[in-house]
């Protein structure tokens, strides 16, 4: 898939591949995670979008035989909150493609989470099971 996105159809293709689990786990990088998160957040509440993302991740992991213990609730909620924050800063009349491109440009570094969390805190059992606040800087 090319980036930046030129149209909403390209975004829908990423989401469809994720939801149907037809995308290989190795073909689902950080940018694709963000694309799905943005799509879910577009016109939804943070809670609803996060619930949908969580359910999709569990389904995707199960389909690809990845142990569910690899899932991290804090990581999921962190990125959903960051996506929401970036989207709130954009003009409301932008297309979904423009929104997605802008948010990915702002949040495209998957290591950004470590500006907020120490490795120990992020990889803790508590962080994997539930949302925990950052220990390095607040959101």
Protein backbone atom coordinates (compact mmCIF):
# COMPACT_ATOMS: atom_id res chain seq x y z
CA UNK A 1 0.00 0.00 0.00
CA UNK A 2 1.35 3.39 -0.90
CA UNK A 3 1.74 6.20 1.57
CA UNK A 4 0.67 8.90 1.84
CA UNK A 5 -2.89 7.87 1.18
CA UNK A 6 -4.55 9.45 -1.81
CA UNK A 7 -8.11 8.35 -1.11
CA UNK A 8 -10.39 6.83 1.49
CA UNK A 9 -10.53 3.56 -0.47
CA UNK A 10 -6.88 2.86 0.35
CA UNK A 11 -7.63 3.30 4.05
CA UNK A 12 -10.69 1.06 3.84
CA UNK A 13 -8.50 -1.61 2.22
CA UNK A 14 -6.12 -1.56 5.22
CA UNK A 15 -9.05 -1.75 7.65
CA UNK A 16 -10.73 -4.54 5.67
CA UNK A 17 -7.51 -6.60 5.65
CA UNK A 18 -7.15 -6.14 9.41
CA UNK A 19 -10.77 -6.95 10.22
CA UNK A 20 -10.94 -9.99 7.94
CA UNK A 21 -7.46 -11.12 9.08
CA UNK A 22 -6.40 -11.45 5.45
CA UNK A 23 -3.41 -9.19 6.10
CA UNK A 24 -0.36 -11.17 7.16
CA UNK A 25 0.91 -10.24 10.61
CA UNK A 26 4.24 -9.27 9.01
CA UNK A 27 2.38 -6.91 6.64
CA UNK A 28 0.76 -4.93 9.45
CA UNK A 29 3.33 -2.34 10.58
CA UNK A 30 2.85 0.58 12.96
CA UNK A 31 1.52 2.77 10.12
CA UNK A 32 -1.24 0.25 9.45
CA UNK A 33 -2.13 0.09 13.15
CA UNK A 34 -2.46 3.88 13.12
CA UNK A 35 -4.52 3.78 9.94
CA UNK A 36 -7.04 1.43 11.55
CA UNK A 37 -7.08 3.47 14.77
CA UNK A 38 -7.74 6.70 12.84
CA UNK A 39 -10.49 5.05 10.83
CA UNK A 40 -12.15 3.80 14.02
CA UNK A 41 -11.74 7.17 15.77
CA UNK A 42 -13.22 9.09 12.84
CA UNK A 43 -16.76 9.91 13.96
CA UNK A 44 -16.62 7.79 17.13
CA UNK A 45 -15.90 8.28 20.80
CA UNK A 46 -12.54 7.34 22.23
CA UNK A 47 -14.19 4.55 24.23
CA UNK A 48 -16.02 3.05 21.24
CA UNK A 49 -12.99 3.31 18.96
CA UNK A 50 -10.74 1.74 21.60
CA UNK A 51 -13.19 -1.11 22.19
CA UNK A 52 -13.32 -1.79 18.46
CA UNK A 53 -9.52 -1.66 18.15
CA UNK A 54 -9.04 -3.97 21.14
CA UNK A 55 -11.52 -6.53 19.77
CA UNK A 56 -9.88 -6.35 16.35
CA UNK A 57 -6.41 -6.86 17.79
CA UNK A 58 -7.53 -9.89 19.79
CA UNK A 59 -9.16 -11.37 16.67
CA UNK A 60 -6.08 -10.60 14.54
CA UNK A 61 -3.70 -12.13 17.10
CA UNK A 62 -5.84 -15.25 17.48
CA UNK A 63 -6.15 -15.72 13.72
CA UNK A 64 -2.39 -15.50 13.29
CA UNK A 65 -1.64 -17.81 16.20
CA UNK A 66 -0.03 -15.12 18.32
CA UNK A 67 -0.29 -15.67 22.06
CA UNK A 68 -2.83 -13.25 23.55
CA UNK A 69 -0.31 -12.50 26.29
CA UNK A 70 1.52 -10.37 23.71
CA UNK A 71 -1.36 -7.88 23.82
CA UNK A 72 -0.72 -4.78 25.90
CA UNK A 73 -3.74 -2.74 27.00
CA UNK A 74 -1.63 0.28 27.92
CA UNK A 75 -0.01 0.39 24.49
CA UNK A 76 -3.40 0.17 22.78
CA UNK A 77 -4.97 2.89 24.91
CA UNK A 78 -1.86 5.09 24.61
CA UNK A 79 -1.97 5.07 20.81
CA UNK A 80 -5.74 5.56 20.71
CA UNK A 81 -5.41 8.60 22.99
CA UNK A 82 -2.55 9.97 20.92
CA UNK A 83 -4.58 9.52 17.73
CA UNK A 84 -7.55 11.30 19.30
CA UNK A 85 -5.31 14.15 20.48
CA UNK A 86 -3.81 14.64 17.01
CA UNK A 87 -7.19 14.44 15.31
CA UNK A 88 -8.61 17.14 17.59
CA UNK A 89 -5.88 19.49 16.36
CA UNK A 90 -6.92 19.13 12.71
CA UNK A 91 -9.48 21.08 10.74
CA UNK A 92 -12.84 19.27 10.85
CA UNK A 93 -13.42 19.55 7.10
CA UNK A 94 -10.37 17.49 6.09
CA UNK A 95 -10.91 14.24 4.20
CA UNK A 96 -10.21 10.95 5.95
CA UNK A 97 -7.14 10.53 3.74
CA UNK A 98 -5.81 13.96 4.76
CA UNK A 99 -6.54 13.27 8.43
CA UNK A 100 -4.83 9.89 8.24
CA UNK A 101 -1.76 11.29 6.50
CA UNK A 102 -1.44 14.12 9.04
CA UNK A 103 -1.80 11.85 12.06
CA UNK A 104 0.64 9.28 10.68
CA UNK A 105 3.14 12.05 9.96
CA UNK A 106 2.82 13.20 13.59
CA UNK A 107 2.78 9.75 15.23
CA UNK A 108 4.68 7.62 12.75
CA UNK A 109 7.53 6.76 15.10
CA UNK A 110 6.53 3.57 16.97
CA UNK A 111 9.12 4.36 19.65
CA UNK A 112 7.20 7.49 20.68
CA UNK A 113 5.58 5.47 23.46
CA UNK A 114 8.98 5.31 25.18
CA UNK A 115 9.00 9.09 25.53
CA UNK A 116 6.13 8.52 27.97
CA UNK A 117 6.87 5.10 29.48
CA UNK A 118 9.92 3.34 30.79
CA UNK A 119 10.43 -0.11 29.28
CA UNK A 120 9.90 -1.68 32.69
CA UNK A 121 6.57 0.03 33.29
CA UNK A 122 5.27 -0.60 29.77
CA UNK A 123 6.20 -4.28 29.87
CA UNK A 124 4.82 -4.86 33.36
CA UNK A 125 1.99 -7.36 33.86
CA UNK A 126 -0.24 -4.50 35.06
CA UNK A 127 0.32 -2.52 31.84
CA UNK A 128 -0.52 -5.53 29.73
CA UNK A 129 -3.82 -6.08 31.52
CA UNK A 130 -5.09 -2.55 32.10
CA UNK A 131 -4.38 1.10 31.35
CA UNK A 132 -1.67 2.58 33.53
CA UNK A 133 -0.48 6.17 33.50
CA UNK A 134 2.90 7.05 31.98
CA UNK A 135 5.89 7.35 34.29
CA UNK A 136 8.14 9.62 32.23
CA UNK A 137 5.75 12.38 31.13
CA UNK A 138 2.01 12.85 31.14
CA UNK A 139 -0.14 12.73 28.05
